Structure formats: structure tokens, C-alpha cells
């Protein structure tokens, strides 16, 4: 197969959770630009409407579904997946992007906040992936699942960084392990499961780091934060046949920051 055809996503159906803004929107846009039929979900309909309008201006058709995965229930996952299947009949690509963060030290972290982070960042990802695999990918013997983890999932926060996010780091580490576990279990069904691990991108979710953006850029080998199209290439790679022999991997998109050894 020619290299350019390896990246062709024409006729594929992609579901992107948390796809109304930030890197979720960036990934949805990339998949749409490559020919995917899109479905995006988020909690707030007005944000979905804004995202839909932006995508349609570039001739990308999209189905929007207001859905709260924060409760991390099987019913919420089933409702979301069912809406996409009712409209498109299949789901070829799942991007598990919806997530949340809570800044608090381990000593001060409340159990309720811990469960909120774990519920959306881990439980909901598993439940949606399970529903998509069971109802579409396994019957079709084909699928691509892309979990959006974080470089925070590789360890703890810097002790001099001023930001403590023990639940977030733990949840993203768990998501990387979930990626590996699903990849090994579902490989026999021709399902690739991989994780993208962004570094600092200036989004609403990372607003707590905004005042340290210049400092982060200075210690990043490429000297900058993540930009408006830096996730596009990786998500297309993992969603396409270009990655047909790649599974169970966690790819850092952080300007080289995670490669730095701190002495």
C-alpha cells in the first residue's frame, strides 16, 4: 500500500469524547480533515454547538451528543455509544479524551475529589471502550482506540513546581496501564489500543499552569508549549492503517520534556 493511502480515513467513523474544545477539538478536526465521519461528545451543548459550527465551516460533518461521563456509569457509556451507532451504524475509531484535574496535595486531597478524577479519567474510559468494543469493534474485527493520557502519568509532579496533582497523575498512569491491558486482550480482534501523552498545552484544563507557561517552555528542549496542530499528526497516525502494527504504546507529545534528566 502506498504511504499516503495508509493515512486515509475516508468512510471511517470516529467518536471523540470531550471533543468540543482544546486538544479534543483539535483531534476531532484532524480526523474530519482526513475523511472521518465524526461524533463528538461533551457535557455542555452550547460548547458542542460552537465546535460543530467551526467544523462545518470547513465542510466537516459532525454529530454532537451532550453526555456527562463524569458519573462514570455503564448507562452513560451505553447511551453515548448507542447514539453514535444509531446514527452511523459503527464506530471505527474511539478517542477517549474527556478528562478532569484536581489540584491538591496528597494530605489535603478529599476522597470526593479523588473519586471524581478517577471516575472520569479511568472508569469512564474503560466503560466507553468496553461498550465500543463489544458493540462494534469486536463484531467487525477491526478498531482503533486512542486513550488521551498525559506525561503526568509517567510519575509524580516536580517538588519545586508549586502544583500538586496526585489524583491526576495517578489516573493518567492507570490509563496508560489500561491501554496496555486492552491492547493485549483485544489484539486478537484486530483492535489497536494506544495512548497519547500530551505535555503542557494551553487549554482550559491546564489553566492552573498558565502562569508557569514561560518557565515550562524554557525547560522544554523545543522551547515552546504545545500548539494548535501538534496533536493532529499523532492522532491521525494512531487512527489510521499507518499504525497497524503498533499497539499498547504511550507516545509523549511534549516537545522533548519527558526526555530531560533532571540533575
C-alpha atoms as a PDB file:
ATOM      1  CA  UNK A   1       0.000   0.000   0.000  1.00  0.00           C
ATOM      2  CA  UNK A   2       1.261   3.487  -0.859  1.00  0.00           C
ATOM      3  CA  UNK A   3       2.293   5.586   2.107  1.00  0.00           C
ATOM      4  CA  UNK A   4      -0.287   8.307   1.530  1.00  0.00           C
ATOM      5  CA  UNK A   5      -3.090   5.733   1.469  1.00  0.00           C
ATOM      6  CA  UNK A   6      -2.013   4.404   4.855  1.00  0.00           C
ATOM      7  CA  UNK A   7      -3.293   7.648   6.398  1.00  0.00           C
ATOM      8  CA  UNK A   8      -6.608   7.752   4.515  1.00  0.00           C
ATOM      9  CA  UNK A   9      -9.589   7.705   6.883  1.00  0.00           C
ATOM     10  CA  UNK A  10     -12.325   8.128   4.301  1.00  0.00           C
ATOM     11  CA  UNK A  11     -15.532   6.374   5.353  1.00  0.00           C
ATOM     12  CA  UNK A  12     -14.354   5.706   8.918  1.00  0.00           C
ATOM     13  CA  UNK A  13     -16.490   6.732  11.897  1.00  0.00           C
ATOM     14  CA  UNK A  14     -14.715   8.365  14.833  1.00  0.00           C
ATOM     15  CA  UNK A  15     -16.078   9.159  18.288  1.00  0.00           C
ATOM     16  CA  UNK A  16     -14.145  11.774  20.264  1.00  0.00           C
ATOM     17  CA  UNK A  17     -15.186  12.290  23.882  1.00  0.00           C
ATOM     18  CA  UNK A  18     -14.515  15.757  25.255  1.00  0.00           C
ATOM     19  CA  UNK A  19     -14.328  16.858  21.632  1.00  0.00           C
ATOM     20  CA  UNK A  20     -15.827  20.336  21.907  1.00  0.00           C
ATOM     21  CA  UNK A  21     -12.683  22.283  22.848  1.00  0.00           C
ATOM     22  CA  UNK A  22      -8.946  22.143  23.487  1.00  0.00           C
ATOM     23  CA  UNK A  23      -6.971  19.194  22.200  1.00  0.00           C
ATOM     24  CA  UNK A  24     -10.206  17.204  21.887  1.00  0.00           C
ATOM     25  CA  UNK A  25     -11.436  19.626  19.252  1.00  0.00           C
ATOM     26  CA  UNK A  26      -8.004  19.636  17.611  1.00  0.00           C
ATOM     27  CA  UNK A  27      -8.107  15.849  17.268  1.00  0.00           C
ATOM     28  CA  UNK A  28     -11.696  15.816  16.028  1.00  0.00           C
ATOM     29  CA  UNK A  29     -10.799  18.404  13.414  1.00  0.00           C
ATOM     30  CA  UNK A  30      -7.794  16.358  12.281  1.00  0.00           C
ATOM     31  CA  UNK A  31      -9.849  13.182  11.893  1.00  0.00           C
ATOM     32  CA  UNK A  32     -12.529  15.077   9.995  1.00  0.00           C
ATOM     33  CA  UNK A  33      -9.943  16.618   7.697  1.00  0.00           C
ATOM     34  CA  UNK A  34      -8.715  13.111   6.871  1.00  0.00           C
ATOM     35  CA  UNK A  35     -12.182  11.962   5.855  1.00  0.00           C
ATOM     36  CA  UNK A  36     -13.796  10.622   9.034  1.00  0.00           C
ATOM     37  CA  UNK A  37     -17.464  10.853   9.837  1.00  0.00           C
ATOM     38  CA  UNK A  38     -17.354  12.494  13.250  1.00  0.00           C
ATOM     39  CA  UNK A  39     -19.238  12.199  16.510  1.00  0.00           C
ATOM     40  CA  UNK A  40     -18.146  14.365  19.424  1.00  0.00           C
ATOM     41  CA  UNK A  41     -19.448  14.404  22.965  1.00  0.00           C
ATOM     42  CA  UNK A  42     -19.200  16.825  25.884  1.00  0.00           C
ATOM     43  CA  UNK A  43     -21.260  17.907  28.870  1.00  0.00           C
ATOM     44  CA  UNK A  44     -22.323  21.314  27.564  1.00  0.00           C
ATOM     45  CA  UNK A  45     -24.491  21.598  24.474  1.00  0.00           C
ATOM     46  CA  UNK A  46     -23.513  25.204  23.771  1.00  0.00           C
ATOM     47  CA  UNK A  47     -19.850  24.198  23.548  1.00  0.00           C
ATOM     48  CA  UNK A  48     -20.792  21.357  21.212  1.00  0.00           C
ATOM     49  CA  UNK A  49     -22.776  23.798  19.076  1.00  0.00           C
ATOM     50  CA  UNK A  50     -19.762  26.112  18.797  1.00  0.00           C
ATOM     51  CA  UNK A  51     -17.486  23.215  17.866  1.00  0.00           C
ATOM     52  CA  UNK A  52     -19.986  21.931  15.318  1.00  0.00           C
ATOM     53  CA  UNK A  53     -20.250  25.347  13.697  1.00  0.00           C
ATOM     54  CA  UNK A  54     -16.462  25.637  13.443  1.00  0.00           C
ATOM     55  CA  UNK A  55     -16.148  22.179  11.899  1.00  0.00           C
ATOM     56  CA  UNK A  56     -18.958  22.743   9.433  1.00  0.00           C
ATOM     57  CA  UNK A  57     -17.286  25.918   8.201  1.00  0.00           C
ATOM     58  CA  UNK A  58     -14.525  23.636   6.889  1.00  0.00           C
ATOM     59  CA  UNK A  59     -17.081  21.197   5.408  1.00  0.00           C
ATOM     60  CA  UNK A  60     -16.677  18.601   8.166  1.00  0.00           C
ATOM     61  CA  UNK A  61     -19.966  16.982   9.121  1.00  0.00           C
ATOM     62  CA  UNK A  62     -20.327  16.110  12.780  1.00  0.00           C
ATOM     63  CA  UNK A  63     -22.832  14.525  15.134  1.00  0.00           C
ATOM     64  CA  UNK A  64     -22.883  16.162  18.579  1.00  0.00           C
ATOM     65  CA  UNK A  65     -24.006  14.342  21.718  1.00  0.00           C
ATOM     66  CA  UNK A  66     -24.415  16.044  25.085  1.00  0.00           C
ATOM     67  CA  UNK A  67     -23.408  13.386  27.582  1.00  0.00           C
ATOM     68  CA  UNK A  68     -21.995  13.526  31.102  1.00  0.00           C
ATOM     69  CA  UNK A  69     -19.409  10.789  31.565  1.00  0.00           C
ATOM     70  CA  UNK A  70     -18.359  12.248  34.894  1.00  0.00           C
ATOM     71  CA  UNK A  71     -20.603   9.856  36.820  1.00  0.00           C
ATOM     72  CA  UNK A  72     -18.695   7.007  35.138  1.00  0.00           C
ATOM     73  CA  UNK A  73     -21.731   4.745  34.830  1.00  0.00           C
ATOM     74  CA  UNK A  74     -22.322   1.921  32.400  1.00  0.00           C
ATOM     75  CA  UNK A  75     -25.612   3.581  31.437  1.00  0.00           C
ATOM     76  CA  UNK A  76     -23.878   6.824  30.405  1.00  0.00           C
ATOM     77  CA  UNK A  77     -21.385   4.905  28.276  1.00  0.00           C
ATOM     78  CA  UNK A  78     -24.117   2.785  26.692  1.00  0.00           C
ATOM     79  CA  UNK A  79     -26.220   5.858  25.917  1.00  0.00           C
ATOM     80  CA  UNK A  80     -23.315   7.639  24.237  1.00  0.00           C
ATOM     81  CA  UNK A  81     -22.208   4.671  22.158  1.00  0.00           C
ATOM     82  CA  UNK A  82     -25.784   3.808  21.272  1.00  0.00           C
ATOM     83  CA  UNK A  83     -26.433   7.306  19.918  1.00  0.00           C
ATOM     84  CA  UNK A  84     -23.421   7.055  17.605  1.00  0.00           C
ATOM     85  CA  UNK A  85     -24.332   3.558  16.436  1.00  0.00           C
ATOM     86  CA  UNK A  86     -27.936   4.589  15.787  1.00  0.00           C
ATOM     87  CA  UNK A  87     -26.684   7.420  13.566  1.00  0.00           C
ATOM     88  CA  UNK A  88     -23.622   5.915  11.862  1.00  0.00           C
ATOM     89  CA  UNK A  89     -24.039   2.169  12.335  1.00  0.00           C
ATOM     90  CA  UNK A  90     -20.470   1.576  13.522  1.00  0.00           C
ATOM     91  CA  UNK A  91     -17.529   3.106  15.364  1.00  0.00           C
ATOM     92  CA  UNK A  92     -14.117   2.502  13.812  1.00  0.00           C
ATOM     93  CA  UNK A  93     -12.108   4.920  15.962  1.00  0.00           C
ATOM     94  CA  UNK A  94     -12.568   5.878  19.608  1.00  0.00           C
ATOM     95  CA  UNK A  95     -10.658   8.773  21.139  1.00  0.00           C
ATOM     96  CA  UNK A  96     -11.083   8.698  24.925  1.00  0.00           C
ATOM     97  CA  UNK A  97     -10.265  12.332  25.629  1.00  0.00           C
ATOM     98  CA  UNK A  98     -12.757  13.539  28.265  1.00  0.00           C
ATOM     99  CA  UNK A  99     -10.916  14.187  31.499  1.00  0.00           C
ATOM    100  CA  UNK A 100     -10.559  16.374  34.553  1.00  0.00           C
ATOM    101  CA  UNK A 101      -7.920  17.533  37.027  1.00  0.00           C
ATOM    102  CA  UNK A 102      -7.884  18.489  40.704  1.00  0.00           C
ATOM    103  CA  UNK A 103      -5.027  20.406  42.244  1.00  0.00           C
ATOM    104  CA  UNK A 104      -4.349  19.436  45.852  1.00  0.00           C
ATOM    105  CA  UNK A 105      -1.577  17.885  47.874  1.00  0.00           C
ATOM    106  CA  UNK A 106      -1.912  14.250  48.873  1.00  0.00           C
ATOM    107  CA  UNK A 107      -2.502  15.216  52.500  1.00  0.00           C
ATOM    108  CA  UNK A 108      -5.283  17.648  51.625  1.00  0.00           C
ATOM    109  CA  UNK A 109      -6.932  15.716  48.779  1.00  0.00           C
ATOM    110  CA  UNK A 110     -10.549  14.888  49.588  1.00  0.00           C
ATOM    111  CA  UNK A 111     -11.933  11.412  48.836  1.00  0.00           C
ATOM    112  CA  UNK A 112     -14.718  13.008  46.790  1.00  0.00           C
ATOM    113  CA  UNK A 113     -12.250  14.858  44.552  1.00  0.00           C
ATOM    114  CA  UNK A 114     -10.153  11.697  44.191  1.00  0.00           C
ATOM    115  CA  UNK A 115     -13.174   9.720  43.006  1.00  0.00           C
ATOM    116  CA  UNK A 116     -14.206  12.478  40.596  1.00  0.00           C
ATOM    117  CA  UNK A 117     -10.816  12.388  38.877  1.00  0.00           C
ATOM    118  CA  UNK A 118     -10.594   8.593  38.836  1.00  0.00           C
ATOM    119  CA  UNK A 119     -14.179   8.280  37.676  1.00  0.00           C
ATOM    120  CA  UNK A 120     -13.795  10.355  34.533  1.00  0.00           C
ATOM    121  CA  UNK A 121     -10.121   9.758  33.731  1.00  0.00           C
ATOM    122  CA  UNK A 122     -10.113   5.977  34.224  1.00  0.00           C
ATOM    123  CA  UNK A 123     -13.525   4.417  34.841  1.00  0.00           C
ATOM    124  CA  UNK A 124     -15.335   6.268  32.040  1.00  0.00           C
ATOM    125  CA  UNK A 125     -12.551   5.500  29.560  1.00  0.00           C
ATOM    126  CA  UNK A 126     -12.832   1.803  30.356  1.00  0.00           C
ATOM    127  CA  UNK A 127     -16.619   1.771  30.178  1.00  0.00           C
ATOM    128  CA  UNK A 128     -16.786   3.595  26.835  1.00  0.00           C
ATOM    129  CA  UNK A 129     -14.001   1.452  25.357  1.00  0.00           C
ATOM    130  CA  UNK A 130     -15.730  -1.713  26.544  1.00  0.00           C
ATOM    131  CA  UNK A 131     -19.046  -0.606  25.050  1.00  0.00           C
ATOM    132  CA  UNK A 132     -17.490   0.330  21.707  1.00  0.00           C
ATOM    133  CA  UNK A 133     -15.501  -2.902  21.531  1.00  0.00           C
ATOM    134  CA  UNK A 134     -18.450  -5.092  22.478  1.00  0.00           C
ATOM    135  CA  UNK A 135     -20.989  -3.474  20.152  1.00  0.00           C
ATOM    136  CA  UNK A 136     -18.890  -2.504  17.137  1.00  0.00           C
ATOM    137  CA  UNK A 137     -15.172  -3.259  17.002  1.00  0.00           C
ATOM    138  CA  UNK A 138     -15.172  -6.929  18.037  1.00  0.00           C
ATOM    139  CA  UNK A 139     -18.095  -7.845  15.747  1.00  0.00           C
ATOM    140  CA  UNK A 140     -16.342  -6.010  12.881  1.00  0.00           C
ATOM    141  CA  UNK A 141     -12.920  -7.474  13.788  1.00  0.00           C
ATOM    142  CA  UNK A 142     -11.361  -4.033  13.475  1.00  0.00           C
ATOM    143  CA  UNK A 143     -10.845  -0.896  15.526  1.00  0.00           C
ATOM    144  CA  UNK A 144      -8.555   1.830  16.804  1.00  0.00           C
ATOM    145  CA  UNK A 145      -8.772   3.061  20.391  1.00  0.00           C
ATOM    146  CA  UNK A 146      -6.726   6.091  21.414  1.00  0.00           C
ATOM    147  CA  UNK A 147      -6.631   6.984  25.098  1.00  0.00           C
ATOM    148  CA  UNK A 148      -5.503  10.511  25.940  1.00  0.00           C
ATOM    149  CA  UNK A 149      -3.257  10.151  28.954  1.00  0.00           C
ATOM    150  CA  UNK A 150      -0.537  12.656  29.924  1.00  0.00           C
ATOM    151  CA  UNK A 151       3.166  12.852  30.636  1.00  0.00           C
ATOM    152  CA  UNK A 152       1.929  13.271  34.215  1.00  0.00           C
ATOM    153  CA  UNK A 153       1.130   9.565  34.048  1.00  0.00           C
ATOM    154  CA  UNK A 154       4.856   8.744  33.947  1.00  0.00           C
ATOM    155  CA  UNK A 155       5.436   9.822  37.565  1.00  0.00           C
ATOM    156  CA  UNK A 156       4.878  12.486  40.178  1.00  0.00           C
ATOM    157  CA  UNK A 157       4.900  16.263  39.968  1.00  0.00           C
ATOM    158  CA  UNK A 158       8.151  18.194  40.401  1.00  0.00           C
ATOM    159  CA  UNK A 159       8.506  19.065  44.099  1.00  0.00           C
ATOM    160  CA  UNK A 160       9.529  22.630  43.202  1.00  0.00           C
ATOM    161  CA  UNK A 161       6.740  23.077  40.657  1.00  0.00           C
ATOM    162  CA  UNK A 162       4.167  24.509  43.017  1.00  0.00           C
ATOM    163  CA  UNK A 163       1.391  22.324  41.567  1.00  0.00           C
ATOM    164  CA  UNK A 164       0.296  19.072  43.188  1.00  0.00           C
ATOM    165  CA  UNK A 165      -1.995  16.764  41.235  1.00  0.00           C
ATOM    166  CA  UNK A 166      -1.677  13.338  42.828  1.00  0.00           C
ATOM    167  CA  UNK A 167      -5.071  12.086  41.611  1.00  0.00           C
ATOM    168  CA  UNK A 168      -4.496  13.330  38.059  1.00  0.00           C
ATOM    169  CA  UNK A 169      -1.030  11.770  37.833  1.00  0.00           C
ATOM    170  CA  UNK A 170      -2.284   8.501  39.267  1.00  0.00           C
ATOM    171  CA  UNK A 171      -5.283   8.404  36.940  1.00  0.00           C
ATOM    172  CA  UNK A 172      -3.175   9.005  33.841  1.00  0.00           C
ATOM    173  CA  UNK A 173      -0.715   6.333  34.917  1.00  0.00           C
ATOM    174  CA  UNK A 174      -3.653   3.967  35.303  1.00  0.00           C
ATOM    175  CA  UNK A 175      -4.903   4.937  31.845  1.00  0.00           C
ATOM    176  CA  UNK A 176      -1.529   4.042  30.331  1.00  0.00           C
ATOM    177  CA  UNK A 177      -1.719   0.625  32.004  1.00  0.00           C
ATOM    178  CA  UNK A 178      -5.346   0.222  30.876  1.00  0.00           C
ATOM    179  CA  UNK A 179      -4.132   0.932  27.342  1.00  0.00           C
ATOM    180  CA  UNK A 180      -1.597  -1.866  27.580  1.00  0.00           C
ATOM    181  CA  UNK A 181      -4.093  -4.289  29.132  1.00  0.00           C
ATOM    182  CA  UNK A 182      -6.741  -3.692  26.450  1.00  0.00           C
ATOM    183  CA  UNK A 183      -4.128  -3.900  23.697  1.00  0.00           C
ATOM    184  CA  UNK A 184      -3.060  -7.343  24.848  1.00  0.00           C
ATOM    185  CA  UNK A 185      -6.614  -8.610  25.335  1.00  0.00           C
ATOM    186  CA  UNK A 186      -8.166  -7.218  22.154  1.00  0.00           C
ATOM    187  CA  UNK A 187      -5.296  -7.652  19.731  1.00  0.00           C
ATOM    188  CA  UNK A 188      -6.833 -10.940  18.573  1.00  0.00           C
ATOM    189  CA  UNK A 189      -9.817  -8.907  17.359  1.00  0.00           C
ATOM    190  CA  UNK A 190      -7.573  -6.664  15.228  1.00  0.00           C
ATOM    191  CA  UNK A 191      -8.071  -3.749  17.634  1.00  0.00           C
ATOM    192  CA  UNK A 192      -5.131  -1.420  18.202  1.00  0.00           C
ATOM    193  CA  UNK A 193      -5.097   0.398  21.551  1.00  0.00           C
ATOM    194  CA  UNK A 194      -2.587   3.197  22.108  1.00  0.00           C
ATOM    195  CA  UNK A 195      -2.183   6.264  24.312  1.00  0.00           C
ATOM    196  CA  UNK A 196      -1.181   9.835  23.530  1.00  0.00           C
ATOM    197  CA  UNK A 197       0.520  11.608  26.439  1.00  0.00           C
ATOM    198  CA  UNK A 198       0.500  15.393  25.959  1.00  0.00           C
ATOM    199  CA  UNK A 199       2.778  17.705  27.864  1.00  0.00           C
ATOM    200  CA  UNK A 200       1.757  21.296  28.540  1.00  0.00           C
ATOM    201  CA  UNK A 201      -0.842  22.660  26.107  1.00  0.00           C
ATOM    202  CA  UNK A 202      -2.554  25.957  26.988  1.00  0.00           C
ATOM    203  CA  UNK A 203      -6.125  24.715  27.428  1.00  0.00           C
ATOM    204  CA  UNK A 204      -8.907  25.230  29.948  1.00  0.00           C
ATOM    205  CA  UNK A 205      -7.923  22.008  31.709  1.00  0.00           C
ATOM    206  CA  UNK A 206      -4.335  23.216  32.185  1.00  0.00           C
ATOM    207  CA  UNK A 207      -5.287  26.741  33.270  1.00  0.00           C
ATOM    208  CA  UNK A 208      -3.588  26.179  36.621  1.00  0.00           C
ATOM    209  CA  UNK A 209      -0.228  26.064  34.836  1.00  0.00           C
ATOM    210  CA  UNK A 210      -0.766  29.185  32.719  1.00  0.00           C
ATOM    211  CA  UNK A 211       1.345  31.435  34.947  1.00  0.00           C
ATOM    212  CA  UNK A 212       4.245  28.991  34.566  1.00  0.00           C
ATOM    213  CA  UNK A 213       3.978  28.672  30.760  1.00  0.00           C
ATOM    214  CA  UNK A 214       7.206  30.602  30.071  1.00  0.00           C
ATOM    215  CA  UNK A 215       9.083  28.600  32.697  1.00  0.00           C
ATOM    216  CA  UNK A 216       7.857  25.315  31.217  1.00  0.00           C
ATOM    217  CA  UNK A 217       8.885  26.412  27.729  1.00  0.00           C
ATOM    218  CA  UNK A 218      12.391  27.240  28.947  1.00  0.00           C
ATOM    219  CA  UNK A 219      12.985  23.713  30.246  1.00  0.00           C
ATOM    220  CA  UNK A 220      11.426  22.062  27.180  1.00  0.00           C
ATOM    221  CA  UNK A 221      14.032  21.088  24.549  1.00  0.00           C
ATOM    222  CA  UNK A 222      11.950  22.516  21.680  1.00  0.00           C
ATOM    223  CA  UNK A 223      11.428  25.694  23.696  1.00  0.00           C
ATOM    224  CA  UNK A 224       7.673  26.024  23.415  1.00  0.00           C
ATOM    225  CA  UNK A 225       4.318  24.772  24.661  1.00  0.00           C
ATOM    226  CA  UNK A 226       2.041  22.561  22.601  1.00  0.00           C
ATOM    227  CA  UNK A 227       0.281  24.345  19.745  1.00  0.00           C
ATOM    228  CA  UNK A 228      -2.924  24.258  17.735  1.00  0.00           C
ATOM    229  CA  UNK A 229      -1.930  21.353  15.489  1.00  0.00           C
ATOM    230  CA  UNK A 230       0.700  19.436  17.440  1.00  0.00           C
ATOM    231  CA  UNK A 231      -1.693  16.588  18.316  1.00  0.00           C
ATOM    232  CA  UNK A 232      -3.128  16.298  14.790  1.00  0.00           C
ATOM    233  CA  UNK A 233      -0.366  14.133  13.337  1.00  0.00           C
ATOM    234  CA  UNK A 234      -0.175  11.655  16.234  1.00  0.00           C
ATOM    235  CA  UNK A 235      -3.945  11.094  16.399  1.00  0.00           C
ATOM    236  CA  UNK A 236      -4.163  10.517  12.640  1.00  0.00           C
ATOM    237  CA  UNK A 237      -1.246   8.074  12.861  1.00  0.00           C
ATOM    238  CA  UNK A 238      -2.871   6.042  15.637  1.00  0.00           C
ATOM    239  CA  UNK A 239      -6.299   6.176  13.945  1.00  0.00           C
ATOM    240  CA  UNK A 240      -5.050   5.008  10.553  1.00  0.00           C
ATOM    241  CA  UNK A 241      -3.514   1.928   8.952  1.00  0.00           C
ATOM    242  CA  UNK A 242      -0.136   3.639   9.279  1.00  0.00           C
ATOM    243  CA  UNK A 243      -0.098   2.290  12.855  1.00  0.00           C
ATOM    244  CA  UNK A 244      -1.458  -1.180  12.020  1.00  0.00           C
ATOM    245  CA  UNK A 245       1.466  -2.899  13.781  1.00  0.00           C
ATOM    246  CA  UNK A 246       1.599  -0.520  16.768  1.00  0.00           C
ATOM    247  CA  UNK A 247      -0.385  -1.319  19.906  1.00  0.00           C
ATOM    248  CA  UNK A 248      -0.067  -0.874  23.646  1.00  0.00           C
ATOM    249  CA  UNK A 249       2.175   2.186  23.289  1.00  0.00           C
ATOM    250  CA  UNK A 250       2.208   5.536  25.102  1.00  0.00           C
ATOM    251  CA  UNK A 251       3.537   8.396  22.967  1.00  0.00           C
ATOM    252  CA  UNK A 252       4.688  11.602  24.698  1.00  0.00           C
ATOM    253  CA  UNK A 253       3.866  14.810  22.808  1.00  0.00           C
ATOM    254  CA  UNK A 254       5.723  17.279  24.975  1.00  0.00           C
ATOM    255  CA  UNK A 255       8.480  18.949  22.978  1.00  0.00           C
ATOM    256  CA  UNK A 256      11.023  16.556  24.428  1.00  0.00           C
ATOM    257  CA  UNK A 257      10.345  17.497  28.031  1.00  0.00           C
ATOM    258  CA  UNK A 258       9.970  13.927  29.282  1.00  0.00           C
ATOM    259  CA  UNK A 259      13.369  13.056  27.812  1.00  0.00           C
ATOM    260  CA  UNK A 260      15.171  15.530  30.081  1.00  0.00           C
ATOM    261  CA  UNK A 261      17.100  14.090  33.015  1.00  0.00           C
ATOM    262  CA  UNK A 262      16.802  16.447  35.973  1.00  0.00           C
ATOM    263  CA  UNK A 263      20.055  16.570  37.933  1.00  0.00           C
END
